[in-house]
Amino acid sequence: MARRGRRAAADQGLSRTLGAFLAGNEAEAEMLAGQWDEALATIDEALRLDPRNPDALYYLGIAAGALAEAEYGRLLETAPGSARAHQLRGRSYQAQGRNAEAEAELDAALAAGPPSAEVLVALGDLRRAKLSFPEARAAYSRAVELAPADYDALYGLGVCDSYAGEHAKAAEFFRRALRVAPDSAPARLALGISLLQTGQTAAAITELLDDDAAAAAEPPAA
């Protein structure tokens, strides 16, 4: 009896997985045809059958990104000078990994004004990702002028100065970032490394040990 129950459950699970797979293929065809609403409905059905199906989740991300991009495009047609519309479209491109297009939209958001620390940090992140550290630093620096307690801008400045070999300056920015977010393990680790680079071994060990203690205190991931 127990064996038959396990086999039935296994067959039911296989049926759901197969159904989700077929729905995923159907959604892909609908997306290629530009039928985005139909594709989303098909993806919803696939996820109902198998909520963790990787293909369905992948197609959901593509469909959501395409619909968001279309919506931002319509918004920009209505208000072509909207800084917020350019910013949202840029962040959508960034989430899709379309970094060059994201950078262009965020630059357009800045040009439309007024300047925004959020936009500047996003630009700094994009430029840092392509190792354009001077340009990234300029964006982060402008962000800090607008928002002196912005953690991401302070941390980004520290990273840029570290890559430029300006470890004393980097350490100061990492300290400022930690004053904003005392539990930030990346900032504490980076501070420890910067202090080592400036010969402050004892202070570096203190920071690195604090980083280890913070990591040990974190609950295991679910």
N, C-alpha and C. Protein backbone atom coordinates (compact mmCIF):
# COMPACT_ATOMS: atom_id res chain seq x y z
N MET A 1 0.83 -1.21 0.00
CA MET A 1 0.00 0.00 0.00
C MET A 1 0.87 1.26 0.00
N ALA A 2 1.88 1.28 0.92
CA ALA A 2 2.75 2.45 0.99
C ALA A 2 3.52 2.62 -0.30
N ARG A 3 3.95 1.49 -0.91
CA ARG A 3 4.71 1.57 -2.16
C ARG A 3 3.85 2.14 -3.27
N ARG A 4 2.56 1.69 -3.33
CA ARG A 4 1.66 2.22 -4.36
C ARG A 4 1.42 3.71 -4.16
N GLY A 5 1.34 4.14 -2.88
CA GLY A 5 1.13 5.56 -2.59
C GLY A 5 2.32 6.40 -3.03
N ARG A 6 3.54 5.88 -2.78
CA ARG A 6 4.73 6.61 -3.21
C ARG A 6 4.80 6.68 -4.72
N ARG A 7 4.44 5.57 -5.40
CA ARG A 7 4.49 5.57 -6.86
C ARG A 7 3.47 6.54 -7.43
N ALA A 8 2.28 6.59 -6.82
CA ALA A 8 1.25 7.52 -7.30
C ALA A 8 1.70 8.95 -7.13
N ALA A 9 2.33 9.23 -5.98
CA ALA A 9 2.82 10.59 -5.74
C ALA A 9 3.92 10.95 -6.74
N ALA A 10 4.80 9.98 -7.02
CA ALA A 10 5.87 10.22 -7.98
C ALA A 10 5.29 10.46 -9.37
N ASP A 11 4.29 9.66 -9.75
CA ASP A 11 3.67 9.85 -11.06
C ASP A 11 2.99 11.21 -11.16
N GLN A 12 2.34 11.61 -10.05
CA GLN A 12 1.68 12.91 -10.05
C GLN A 12 2.69 14.05 -10.18
N GLY A 13 3.83 13.91 -9.47
CA GLY A 13 4.88 14.92 -9.57
C GLY A 13 5.46 14.99 -10.97
N LEU A 14 5.67 13.83 -11.59
CA LEU A 14 6.19 13.79 -12.96
C LEU A 14 5.21 14.44 -13.93
N SER A 15 3.92 14.19 -13.71
CA SER A 15 2.90 14.77 -14.57
C SER A 15 2.90 16.30 -14.47
N ARG A 16 3.04 16.82 -13.23
CA ARG A 16 3.08 18.27 -13.05
C ARG A 16 4.32 18.87 -13.72
N THR A 17 5.47 18.18 -13.56
CA THR A 17 6.71 18.69 -14.16
C THR A 17 6.60 18.70 -15.68
N LEU A 18 6.03 17.63 -16.25
CA LEU A 18 5.86 17.56 -17.70
C LEU A 18 4.91 18.64 -18.19
N GLY A 19 3.83 18.84 -17.43
CA GLY A 19 2.87 19.88 -17.81
C GLY A 19 3.52 21.25 -17.79
N ALA A 20 4.34 21.51 -16.77
CA ALA A 20 5.02 22.80 -16.68
C ALA A 20 6.01 22.96 -17.82
N PHE A 21 6.70 21.88 -18.18
CA PHE A 21 7.66 21.93 -19.28
C PHE A 21 6.97 22.28 -20.60
N LEU A 22 5.82 21.62 -20.86
CA LEU A 22 5.08 21.88 -22.09
C LEU A 22 4.54 23.31 -22.11
N ALA A 23 4.08 23.78 -20.94
CA ALA A 23 3.59 25.15 -20.86
C ALA A 23 4.72 26.13 -21.11
N GLY A 24 5.91 25.81 -20.60
CA GLY A 24 7.07 26.68 -20.84
C GLY A 24 7.38 26.79 -22.32
N ASN A 25 7.31 25.68 -23.03
CA ASN A 25 7.54 25.71 -24.48
C ASN A 25 6.49 26.55 -25.20
N GLU A 26 5.25 26.42 -24.74
CA GLU A 26 4.17 27.22 -25.33
C GLU A 26 4.39 28.71 -25.07
N ALA A 27 4.82 29.04 -23.83
CA ALA A 27 5.08 30.44 -23.49
C ALA A 27 6.20 31.01 -24.35
N GLU A 28 7.23 30.21 -24.60
CA GLU A 28 8.34 30.68 -25.43
C GLU A 28 7.85 31.03 -26.83
N ALA A 29 6.99 30.16 -27.39
CA ALA A 29 6.45 30.43 -28.72
C ALA A 29 5.61 31.69 -28.72
N GLU A 30 4.83 31.90 -27.67
CA GLU A 30 3.99 33.10 -27.58
C GLU A 30 4.84 34.37 -27.47
N MET A 31 5.93 34.29 -26.73
CA MET A 31 6.80 35.45 -26.60
C MET A 31 7.47 35.78 -27.94
N LEU A 32 7.90 34.75 -28.65
CA LEU A 32 8.52 34.98 -29.95
C LEU A 32 7.53 35.63 -30.92
N ALA A 33 6.24 35.35 -30.72
CA ALA A 33 5.20 35.94 -31.57
C ALA A 33 4.75 37.31 -31.06
N GLY A 34 5.34 37.76 -29.94
CA GLY A 34 4.96 39.06 -29.38
C GLY A 34 3.66 39.02 -28.60
N GLN A 35 3.18 37.83 -28.26
CA GLN A 35 1.91 37.70 -27.53
C GLN A 35 2.21 37.64 -26.02
N TRP A 36 2.56 38.80 -25.46
CA TRP A 36 3.08 38.83 -24.09
C TRP A 36 2.02 38.51 -23.05
N ASP A 37 0.79 39.01 -23.22
CA ASP A 37 -0.25 38.71 -22.25
C ASP A 37 -0.56 37.22 -22.23
N GLU A 38 -0.64 36.62 -23.42
CA GLU A 38 -0.89 35.18 -23.49
C GLU A 38 0.27 34.40 -22.87
N ALA A 39 1.49 34.87 -23.11
CA ALA A 39 2.66 34.19 -22.55
C ALA A 39 2.63 34.24 -21.03
N LEU A 40 2.26 35.38 -20.46
CA LEU A 40 2.18 35.47 -18.99
C LEU A 40 1.14 34.52 -18.44
N ALA A 41 0.01 34.40 -19.10
CA ALA A 41 -1.03 33.47 -18.64
C ALA A 41 -0.51 32.03 -18.69
N THR A 42 0.20 31.70 -19.74
CA THR A 42 0.76 30.35 -19.87
C THR A 42 1.82 30.09 -18.79
N ILE A 43 2.64 31.09 -18.52
CA ILE A 43 3.67 30.95 -17.48
C ILE A 43 3.01 30.77 -16.12
N ASP A 44 1.93 31.52 -15.86
CA ASP A 44 1.20 31.35 -14.59
C ASP A 44 0.71 29.92 -14.43
N GLU A 45 0.22 29.34 -15.53
CA GLU A 45 -0.25 27.96 -15.48
C GLU A 45 0.91 27.00 -15.21
N ALA A 46 2.07 27.26 -15.84
CA ALA A 46 3.24 26.41 -15.61
C ALA A 46 3.67 26.47 -14.15
N LEU A 47 3.66 27.66 -13.57
CA LEU A 47 4.08 27.81 -12.17
C LEU A 47 3.05 27.24 -11.21
N ARG A 48 1.78 27.23 -11.62
CA ARG A 48 0.77 26.57 -10.78
C ARG A 48 1.03 25.06 -10.72
N LEU A 49 1.46 24.52 -11.84
CA LEU A 49 1.76 23.08 -11.88
C LEU A 49 3.06 22.76 -11.16
N ASP A 50 4.04 23.63 -11.30
CA ASP A 50 5.36 23.38 -10.70
C ASP A 50 5.97 24.73 -10.30
N PRO A 51 5.71 25.20 -9.06
CA PRO A 51 6.13 26.55 -8.65
C PRO A 51 7.63 26.80 -8.74
N ARG A 52 8.44 25.75 -8.76
CA ARG A 52 9.89 25.94 -8.81
C ARG A 52 10.49 25.60 -10.17
N ASN A 53 9.64 25.48 -11.15
CA ASN A 53 10.14 25.11 -12.47
C ASN A 53 11.09 26.17 -13.00
N PRO A 54 12.37 25.84 -13.24
CA PRO A 54 13.35 26.87 -13.63
C PRO A 54 13.04 27.52 -14.97
N ASP A 55 12.50 26.74 -15.93
CA ASP A 55 12.19 27.33 -17.24
C ASP A 55 11.07 28.35 -17.11
N ALA A 56 10.04 28.01 -16.33
CA ALA A 56 8.92 28.94 -16.16
C ALA A 56 9.37 30.21 -15.46
N LEU A 57 10.23 30.07 -14.44
CA LEU A 57 10.74 31.26 -13.74
C LEU A 57 11.60 32.11 -14.67
N TYR A 58 12.38 31.45 -15.50
CA TYR A 58 13.22 32.17 -16.47
C TYR A 58 12.36 32.97 -17.44
N TYR A 59 11.34 32.32 -18.01
CA TYR A 59 10.47 33.01 -18.96
C TYR A 59 9.67 34.11 -18.28
N LEU A 60 9.32 33.91 -17.01
CA LEU A 60 8.60 34.96 -16.28
C LEU A 60 9.46 36.22 -16.20
N GLY A 61 10.76 36.06 -15.92
CA GLY A 61 11.65 37.21 -15.86
C GLY A 61 11.74 37.93 -17.20
N ILE A 62 11.84 37.16 -18.29
CA ILE A 62 11.91 37.77 -19.62
C ILE A 62 10.63 38.52 -19.94
N ALA A 63 9.49 37.89 -19.68
CA ALA A 63 8.21 38.52 -20.01
C ALA A 63 7.99 39.78 -19.18
N ALA A 64 8.32 39.70 -17.89
CA ALA A 64 8.13 40.87 -17.04
C ALA A 64 9.02 42.03 -17.49
N GLY A 65 10.26 41.72 -17.86
CA GLY A 65 11.17 42.76 -18.33
C GLY A 65 10.68 43.39 -19.63
N ALA A 66 10.19 42.57 -20.55
CA ALA A 66 9.71 43.09 -21.83
C ALA A 66 8.48 43.97 -21.64
N LEU A 67 7.56 43.54 -20.76
CA LEU A 67 6.36 44.34 -20.53
C LEU A 67 6.70 45.65 -19.84
N ALA A 68 7.64 45.59 -18.89
CA ALA A 68 8.05 46.82 -18.21
C ALA A 68 8.69 47.79 -19.21
N GLU A 69 9.54 47.26 -20.09
CA GLU A 69 10.20 48.11 -21.08
C GLU A 69 9.17 48.76 -22.00
N ALA A 70 8.16 48.00 -22.40
CA ALA A 70 7.12 48.55 -23.28
C ALA A 70 6.34 49.66 -22.56
N GLU A 71 6.08 49.43 -21.26
CA GLU A 71 5.34 50.44 -20.50
C GLU A 71 6.15 51.72 -20.35
N TYR A 72 7.46 51.57 -20.06
CA TYR A 72 8.31 52.76 -19.95
C TYR A 72 8.42 53.48 -21.29
N GLY A 73 8.43 52.70 -22.38
CA GLY A 73 8.47 53.32 -23.70
C GLY A 73 7.23 54.16 -23.95
N ARG A 74 6.05 53.64 -23.57
CA ARG A 74 4.82 54.41 -23.73
C ARG A 74 4.85 55.66 -22.87
N LEU A 75 5.39 55.52 -21.64
CA LEU A 75 5.47 56.67 -20.75
C LEU A 75 6.37 57.75 -21.33
N LEU A 76 7.50 57.35 -21.95
CA LEU A 76 8.42 58.33 -22.53
C LEU A 76 7.83 58.98 -23.77
N GLU A 77 6.97 58.25 -24.48
CA GLU A 77 6.28 58.88 -25.61
C GLU A 77 5.34 59.98 -25.12
N THR A 78 4.71 59.74 -23.96
CA THR A 78 3.79 60.72 -23.39
C THR A 78 4.54 61.90 -22.78
N ALA A 79 5.64 61.57 -22.08
CA ALA A 79 6.43 62.62 -21.39
C ALA A 79 7.90 62.40 -21.71
N PRO A 80 8.35 62.80 -22.89
CA PRO A 80 9.73 62.49 -23.31
C PRO A 80 10.80 63.12 -22.44
N GLY A 81 10.47 64.15 -21.69
CA GLY A 81 11.48 64.79 -20.84
C GLY A 81 11.42 64.35 -19.40
N SER A 82 10.75 63.22 -19.12
CA SER A 82 10.57 62.78 -17.74
C SER A 82 11.84 62.09 -17.23
N ALA A 83 12.49 62.68 -16.23
CA ALA A 83 13.67 62.06 -15.64
C ALA A 83 13.31 60.73 -14.98
N ARG A 84 12.16 60.69 -14.33
CA ARG A 84 11.74 59.47 -13.63
C ARG A 84 11.52 58.32 -14.61
N ALA A 85 10.91 58.63 -15.76
CA ALA A 85 10.69 57.57 -16.76
C ALA A 85 12.01 57.03 -17.28
N HIS A 86 12.97 57.92 -17.56
CA HIS A 86 14.30 57.45 -18.00
C HIS A 86 14.96 56.62 -16.89
N GLN A 87 14.81 57.05 -15.65
CA GLN A 87 15.42 56.31 -14.54
C GLN A 87 14.83 54.91 -14.43
N LEU A 88 13.50 54.81 -14.48
CA LEU A 88 12.85 53.50 -14.35
C LEU A 88 13.22 52.58 -15.51
N ARG A 89 13.27 53.15 -16.71
CA ARG A 89 13.66 52.34 -17.86
C ARG A 89 15.11 51.88 -17.73
N GLY A 90 15.96 52.79 -17.24
CA GLY A 90 17.36 52.42 -17.04
C GLY A 90 17.52 51.31 -16.02
N ARG A 91 16.78 51.39 -14.91
CA ARG A 91 16.89 50.33 -13.91
C ARG A 91 16.34 49.00 -14.43
N SER A 92 15.31 49.09 -15.29
CA SER A 92 14.79 47.88 -15.92
C SER A 92 15.84 47.23 -16.81
N TYR A 93 16.54 48.05 -17.62
CA TYR A 93 17.62 47.52 -18.44
C TYR A 93 18.72 46.92 -17.57
N GLN A 94 19.04 47.61 -16.48
CA GLN A 94 20.10 47.14 -15.59
C GLN A 94 19.75 45.76 -15.01
N ALA A 95 18.49 45.59 -14.62
CA ALA A 95 18.05 44.31 -14.07
C ALA A 95 18.15 43.19 -15.10
N GLN A 96 18.03 43.55 -16.38
CA GLN A 96 18.12 42.56 -17.46
C GLN A 96 19.56 42.32 -17.91
N GLY A 97 20.52 43.06 -17.32
CA GLY A 97 21.90 42.92 -17.73
C GLY A 97 22.24 43.67 -19.00
N ARG A 98 21.37 44.57 -19.42
CA ARG A 98 21.62 45.36 -20.64
C ARG A 98 22.27 46.68 -20.21
N ASN A 99 23.52 46.57 -19.80
CA ASN A 99 24.16 47.66 -19.08
C ASN A 99 24.41 48.91 -19.93
N ALA A 100 24.76 48.74 -21.19
CA ALA A 100 25.01 49.91 -22.03
C ALA A 100 23.73 50.72 -22.20
N GLU A 101 22.61 50.03 -22.44
CA GLU A 101 21.34 50.72 -22.58
C GLU A 101 20.90 51.35 -21.26
N ALA A 102 21.19 50.65 -20.16
CA ALA A 102 20.86 51.19 -18.84
C ALA A 102 21.63 52.48 -18.58
N GLU A 103 22.91 52.48 -18.92
CA GLU A 103 23.74 53.66 -18.69
C GLU A 103 23.23 54.84 -19.52
N ALA A 104 22.82 54.58 -20.76
CA ALA A 104 22.32 55.66 -21.61
C ALA A 104 21.04 56.26 -21.03
N GLU A 105 20.14 55.40 -20.53
CA GLU A 105 18.89 55.91 -19.96
C GLU A 105 19.14 56.69 -18.66
N LEU A 106 20.06 56.21 -17.85
CA LEU A 106 20.35 56.91 -16.60
C LEU A 106 21.03 58.26 -16.87
N ASP A 107 21.89 58.30 -17.89
CA ASP A 107 22.47 59.58 -18.30
C ASP A 107 21.37 60.54 -18.75
N ALA A 108 20.37 60.00 -19.48
CA ALA A 108 19.26 60.82 -19.92
C ALA A 108 18.44 61.33 -18.73
N ALA A 109 18.31 60.49 -17.71
CA ALA A 109 17.60 60.92 -16.50
C ALA A 109 18.31 62.08 -15.83
N LEU A 110 19.64 62.01 -15.78
CA LEU A 110 20.40 63.11 -15.19
C LEU A 110 20.27 64.38 -16.02
N ALA A 111 20.30 64.22 -17.34
CA ALA A 111 20.20 65.38 -18.22
C ALA A 111 18.83 66.05 -18.08
N ALA A 112 17.79 65.23 -17.85
CA ALA A 112 16.45 65.78 -17.69
C ALA A 112 16.29 66.46 -16.33
N GLY A 113 17.10 66.03 -15.34
CA GLY A 113 17.16 66.65 -14.02
C GLY A 113 15.85 66.58 -13.27
N PRO A 114 15.89 66.97 -12.00
CA PRO A 114 17.06 67.40 -11.23
C PRO A 114 17.96 66.22 -10.87
N PRO A 115 19.22 66.47 -10.45
CA PRO A 115 20.12 65.36 -10.13
C PRO A 115 19.58 64.52 -8.98
N SER A 116 19.83 63.24 -9.06
CA SER A 116 19.32 62.28 -8.08
C SER A 116 20.46 61.40 -7.60
N ALA A 117 20.59 61.26 -6.28
CA ALA A 117 21.62 60.38 -5.73
C ALA A 117 21.38 58.94 -6.17
N GLU A 118 20.13 58.53 -6.25
CA GLU A 118 19.80 57.17 -6.65
C GLU A 118 20.29 56.88 -8.06
N VAL A 119 20.06 57.82 -8.96
CA VAL A 119 20.51 57.65 -10.35
C VAL A 119 22.03 57.65 -10.42
N LEU A 120 22.66 58.54 -9.68
CA LEU A 120 24.12 58.62 -9.69
C LEU A 120 24.76 57.35 -9.15
N VAL A 121 24.18 56.78 -8.10
CA VAL A 121 24.72 55.52 -7.56
C VAL A 121 24.57 54.40 -8.59
N ALA A 122 23.41 54.34 -9.25
CA ALA A 122 23.22 53.31 -10.27
C ALA A 122 24.23 53.47 -11.40
N LEU A 123 24.49 54.71 -11.81
CA LEU A 123 25.51 54.94 -12.84
C LEU A 123 26.90 54.53 -12.33
N GLY A 124 27.19 54.87 -11.07
CA GLY A 124 28.47 54.48 -10.51
C GLY A 124 28.64 52.97 -10.50
N ASP A 125 27.57 52.26 -10.15
CA ASP A 125 27.64 50.79 -10.13
C ASP A 125 27.91 50.23 -11.52
N LEU A 126 27.23 50.79 -12.53
CA LEU A 126 27.41 50.32 -13.90
C LEU A 126 28.84 50.58 -14.38
N ARG A 127 29.36 51.74 -14.08
CA ARG A 127 30.71 52.08 -14.53
C ARG A 127 31.77 51.30 -13.76
N ARG A 128 31.50 51.06 -12.50
CA ARG A 128 32.43 50.24 -11.71
C ARG A 128 32.45 48.80 -12.24
N ALA A 129 31.28 48.31 -12.66
CA ALA A 129 31.21 46.94 -13.17
C ALA A 129 32.04 46.75 -14.42
N LYS A 130 32.21 47.82 -15.21
CA LYS A 130 33.05 47.70 -16.42
C LYS A 130 34.46 48.26 -16.18
N LEU A 131 34.81 48.41 -14.88
CA LEU A 131 36.15 48.80 -14.43
C LEU A 131 36.52 50.22 -14.86
N SER A 132 35.50 51.06 -15.09
CA SER A 132 35.77 52.47 -15.39
C SER A 132 35.75 53.23 -14.06
N PHE A 133 36.81 53.04 -13.26
CA PHE A 133 36.79 53.53 -11.89
C PHE A 133 36.78 55.06 -11.77
N PRO A 134 37.52 55.81 -12.60
CA PRO A 134 37.43 57.28 -12.47
C PRO A 134 36.01 57.80 -12.73
N GLU A 135 35.34 57.26 -13.77
CA GLU A 135 33.99 57.69 -14.07
C GLU A 135 33.02 57.25 -12.98
N ALA A 136 33.23 56.04 -12.46
CA ALA A 136 32.38 55.57 -11.36
C ALA A 136 32.56 56.45 -10.13
N ARG A 137 33.81 56.80 -9.84
CA ARG A 137 34.08 57.62 -8.67
C ARG A 137 33.40 58.98 -8.78
N ALA A 138 33.43 59.55 -9.99
CA ALA A 138 32.79 60.86 -10.19
C ALA A 138 31.29 60.78 -9.90
N ALA A 139 30.66 59.69 -10.33
CA ALA A 139 29.22 59.54 -10.09
C ALA A 139 28.94 59.37 -8.59
N TYR A 140 29.73 58.51 -7.93
CA TYR A 140 29.52 58.31 -6.49
C TYR A 140 29.77 59.61 -5.71
N SER A 141 30.78 60.37 -6.13
CA SER A 141 31.11 61.60 -5.42
C SER A 141 29.96 62.60 -5.51
N ARG A 142 29.35 62.70 -6.68
CA ARG A 142 28.19 63.59 -6.82
C ARG A 142 27.03 63.09 -5.98
N ALA A 143 26.88 61.77 -5.89
CA ALA A 143 25.80 61.20 -5.07
C ALA A 143 25.99 61.57 -3.60
N VAL A 144 27.23 61.50 -3.11
CA VAL A 144 27.50 61.83 -1.71
C VAL A 144 27.27 63.31 -1.44
N GLU A 145 27.52 64.15 -2.43
CA GLU A 145 27.22 65.57 -2.26
C GLU A 145 25.73 65.77 -2.02
N LEU A 146 24.90 64.97 -2.70
CA LEU A 146 23.45 65.09 -2.55
C LEU A 146 22.93 64.34 -1.32
N ALA A 147 23.57 63.22 -1.00
CA ALA A 147 23.10 62.38 0.11
C ALA A 147 24.33 61.87 0.86
N PRO A 148 24.83 62.65 1.82
CA PRO A 148 26.10 62.31 2.50
C PRO A 148 26.08 60.98 3.24
N ALA A 149 24.90 60.47 3.57
CA ALA A 149 24.82 59.20 4.31
C ALA A 149 24.37 58.04 3.42
N ASP A 150 24.58 58.16 2.12
CA ASP A 150 24.20 57.07 1.22
C ASP A 150 25.25 55.96 1.29
N TYR A 151 24.88 54.82 1.85
CA TYR A 151 25.83 53.72 2.03
C TYR A 151 26.45 53.28 0.72
N ASP A 152 25.63 53.06 -0.30
CA ASP A 152 26.14 52.52 -1.57
C ASP A 152 27.15 53.47 -2.21
N ALA A 153 26.88 54.77 -2.11
CA ALA A 153 27.83 55.74 -2.69
C ALA A 153 29.13 55.75 -1.91
N LEU A 154 29.04 55.72 -0.58
CA LEU A 154 30.26 55.71 0.25
C LEU A 154 31.08 54.45 0.01
N TYR A 155 30.40 53.31 -0.03
CA TYR A 155 31.10 52.05 -0.28
C TYR A 155 31.73 52.06 -1.68
N GLY A 156 30.98 52.57 -2.66
CA GLY A 156 31.52 52.64 -4.03
C GLY A 156 32.75 53.52 -4.11
N LEU A 157 32.75 54.64 -3.39
CA LEU A 157 33.93 55.51 -3.37
C LEU A 157 35.12 54.76 -2.76
N GLY A 158 34.87 54.01 -1.71
CA GLY A 158 35.95 53.24 -1.10
C GLY A 158 36.54 52.23 -2.07
N VAL A 159 35.67 51.54 -2.80
CA VAL A 159 36.15 50.55 -3.77
C VAL A 159 36.99 51.23 -4.87
N CYS A 160 36.50 52.36 -5.38
CA CYS A 160 37.22 53.05 -6.44
C CYS A 160 38.59 53.53 -5.96
N ASP A 161 38.64 54.09 -4.75
CA ASP A 161 39.92 54.55 -4.21
C ASP A 161 40.86 53.37 -3.94
N SER A 162 40.30 52.26 -3.51
CA SER A 162 41.12 51.07 -3.28
C SER A 162 41.78 50.60 -4.57
N TYR A 163 41.00 50.56 -5.66
CA TYR A 163 41.57 50.13 -6.94
C TYR A 163 42.59 51.13 -7.46
N ALA A 164 42.47 52.40 -7.05
CA ALA A 164 43.43 53.41 -7.47
C ALA A 164 44.67 53.41 -6.58
N GLY A 165 44.71 52.54 -5.59
CA GLY A 165 45.85 52.48 -4.67
C GLY A 165 45.80 53.53 -3.58
N GLU A 166 44.68 54.24 -3.46
CA GLU A 166 44.51 55.26 -2.43
C GLU A 166 43.87 54.62 -1.20
N HIS A 167 44.64 53.78 -0.52
CA HIS A 167 44.05 52.94 0.53
C HIS A 167 43.65 53.73 1.78
N ALA A 168 44.37 54.80 2.09
CA ALA A 168 43.98 55.61 3.25
C ALA A 168 42.63 56.28 2.99
N LYS A 169 42.46 56.82 1.78
CA LYS A 169 41.17 57.42 1.43
C LYS A 169 40.07 56.35 1.42
N ALA A 170 40.40 55.20 0.86
CA ALA A 170 39.42 54.12 0.80
C ALA A 170 38.96 53.74 2.21
N ALA A 171 39.91 53.63 3.14
CA ALA A 171 39.57 53.24 4.51
C ALA A 171 38.59 54.24 5.12
N GLU A 172 38.80 55.52 4.86
CA GLU A 172 37.90 56.53 5.43
C GLU A 172 36.49 56.39 4.88
N PHE A 173 36.36 56.10 3.59
CA PHE A 173 35.03 55.92 3.02
C PHE A 173 34.36 54.65 3.55
N PHE A 174 35.15 53.59 3.74
CA PHE A 174 34.58 52.38 4.30
C PHE A 174 34.12 52.62 5.75
N ARG A 175 34.88 53.41 6.50
CA ARG A 175 34.45 53.77 7.87
C ARG A 175 33.12 54.52 7.83
N ARG A 176 33.02 55.47 6.91
CA ARG A 176 31.78 56.23 6.81
C ARG A 176 30.62 55.33 6.41
N ALA A 177 30.88 54.39 5.52
CA ALA A 177 29.84 53.43 5.13
C ALA A 177 29.40 52.61 6.34
N LEU A 178 30.35 52.22 7.17
CA LEU A 178 30.02 51.42 8.36
C LEU A 178 29.26 52.22 9.39
N ARG A 179 29.47 53.52 9.42
CA ARG A 179 28.67 54.33 10.35
C ARG A 179 27.20 54.34 9.92
N VAL A 180 26.98 54.22 8.61
CA VAL A 180 25.61 54.15 8.10
C VAL A 180 25.03 52.75 8.28
N ALA A 181 25.84 51.73 8.02
CA ALA A 181 25.39 50.34 8.09
C ALA A 181 26.43 49.53 8.86
N PRO A 182 26.36 49.57 10.20
CA PRO A 182 27.40 48.93 11.03
C PRO A 182 27.53 47.42 10.82
N ASP A 183 26.47 46.78 10.33
CA ASP A 183 26.50 45.32 10.15
C ASP A 183 26.95 44.89 8.76
N SER A 184 27.44 45.82 7.96
CA SER A 184 27.84 45.48 6.59
C SER A 184 29.15 44.70 6.60
N ALA A 185 29.07 43.41 6.32
CA ALA A 185 30.28 42.59 6.26
C ALA A 185 31.20 43.00 5.11
N PRO A 186 30.68 43.32 3.90
CA PRO A 186 31.59 43.73 2.82
C PRO A 186 32.39 44.99 3.17
N ALA A 187 31.73 45.97 3.79
CA ALA A 187 32.45 47.21 4.13
C ALA A 187 33.48 46.95 5.21
N ARG A 188 33.16 46.10 6.18
CA ARG A 188 34.13 45.82 7.25
C ARG A 188 35.32 45.05 6.71
N LEU A 189 35.06 44.09 5.85
CA LEU A 189 36.17 43.34 5.23
C LEU A 189 37.04 44.26 4.40
N ALA A 190 36.40 45.13 3.60
CA ALA A 190 37.16 46.06 2.76
C ALA A 190 37.98 47.02 3.61
N LEU A 191 37.40 47.47 4.74
CA LEU A 191 38.15 48.35 5.64
C LEU A 191 39.38 47.63 6.18
N GLY A 192 39.21 46.38 6.59
CA GLY A 192 40.34 45.62 7.11
C GLY A 192 41.45 45.48 6.08
N ILE A 193 41.08 45.20 4.85
CA ILE A 193 42.09 45.05 3.79
C ILE A 193 42.79 46.39 3.53
N SER A 194 42.01 47.49 3.51
CA SER A 194 42.62 48.81 3.28
C SER A 194 43.59 49.16 4.40
N LEU A 195 43.22 48.83 5.63
CA LEU A 195 44.11 49.12 6.76
C LEU A 195 45.40 48.30 6.67
N LEU A 196 45.27 47.06 6.23
CA LEU A 196 46.48 46.24 6.01
C LEU A 196 47.39 46.90 4.98
N GLN A 197 46.78 47.43 3.91
CA GLN A 197 47.56 48.06 2.85
C GLN A 197 48.28 49.32 3.33
N THR A 198 47.77 49.94 4.37
CA THR A 198 48.41 51.15 4.90
C THR A 198 49.31 50.84 6.09
N GLY A 199 49.53 49.56 6.38
CA GLY A 199 50.44 49.16 7.45
C GLY A 199 49.83 49.18 8.84
N GLN A 200 48.52 49.38 8.93
CA GLN A 200 47.86 49.40 10.24
C GLN A 200 47.37 47.99 10.58
N THR A 201 48.33 47.12 10.87
CA THR A 201 48.03 45.70 11.00
C THR A 201 47.10 45.41 12.18
N ALA A 202 47.36 46.02 13.34
CA ALA A 202 46.55 45.74 14.51
C ALA A 202 45.09 46.17 14.28
N ALA A 203 44.92 47.37 13.72
CA ALA A 203 43.56 47.85 13.45
C ALA A 203 42.88 46.97 12.40
N ALA A 204 43.65 46.52 11.41
CA ALA A 204 43.09 45.65 10.37
C ALA A 204 42.62 44.34 10.97
N ILE A 205 43.42 43.76 11.86
CA ILE A 205 43.04 42.48 12.48
C ILE A 205 41.75 42.65 13.27
N THR A 206 41.63 43.77 13.99
CA THR A 206 40.40 44.03 14.75
C THR A 206 39.19 44.04 13.84
N GLU A 207 39.29 44.75 12.71
CA GLU A 207 38.16 44.82 11.78
C GLU A 207 37.85 43.46 11.17
N LEU A 208 38.90 42.74 10.80
CA LEU A 208 38.67 41.43 10.16
C LEU A 208 38.09 40.43 11.15
N LEU A 209 38.52 40.50 12.41
CA LEU A 209 37.95 39.62 13.44
C LEU A 209 36.49 39.98 13.69
N ASP A 210 36.18 41.28 13.69
CA ASP A 210 34.78 41.69 13.84
C ASP A 210 33.95 41.18 12.68
N ASP A 211 34.53 41.17 11.48
CA ASP A 211 33.83 40.65 10.32
C ASP A 211 33.56 39.17 10.48
N ASP A 212 34.55 38.41 10.96
CA ASP A 212 34.36 36.98 11.19
C ASP A 212 33.29 36.73 12.24
N ALA A 213 33.30 37.55 13.29
CA ALA A 213 32.31 37.36 14.36
C ALA A 213 30.90 37.66 13.84
N ALA A 214 30.79 38.69 13.02
CA ALA A 214 29.48 39.03 12.46
C ALA A 214 28.98 37.91 11.55
N ALA A 215 29.89 37.35 10.76
CA ALA A 215 29.50 36.26 9.87
C ALA A 215 29.06 35.03 10.66
N ALA A 216 29.76 34.75 11.77
CA ALA A 216 29.42 33.60 12.59
C ALA A 216 28.07 33.78 13.27
N ALA A 217 27.72 35.04 13.55
CA ALA A 217 26.46 35.31 14.25
C ALA A 217 25.26 35.26 13.31
N GLU A 218 25.49 35.32 12.01
CA GLU A 218 24.37 35.31 11.07
C GLU A 218 23.71 33.93 11.06
N PRO A 219 22.36 33.90 11.06
CA PRO A 219 21.68 32.61 11.01
C PRO A 219 21.91 31.94 9.66
N PRO A 220 21.94 30.60 9.63
CA PRO A 220 22.15 29.91 8.35
C PRO A 220 21.00 30.21 7.39
N ALA A 221 21.32 30.23 6.12
CA ALA A 221 20.29 30.50 5.10
C ALA A 221 19.26 29.38 5.09
N ALA A 222 18.01 29.78 4.89
CA ALA A 222 16.93 28.79 4.87
C ALA A 222 17.01 27.94 3.62
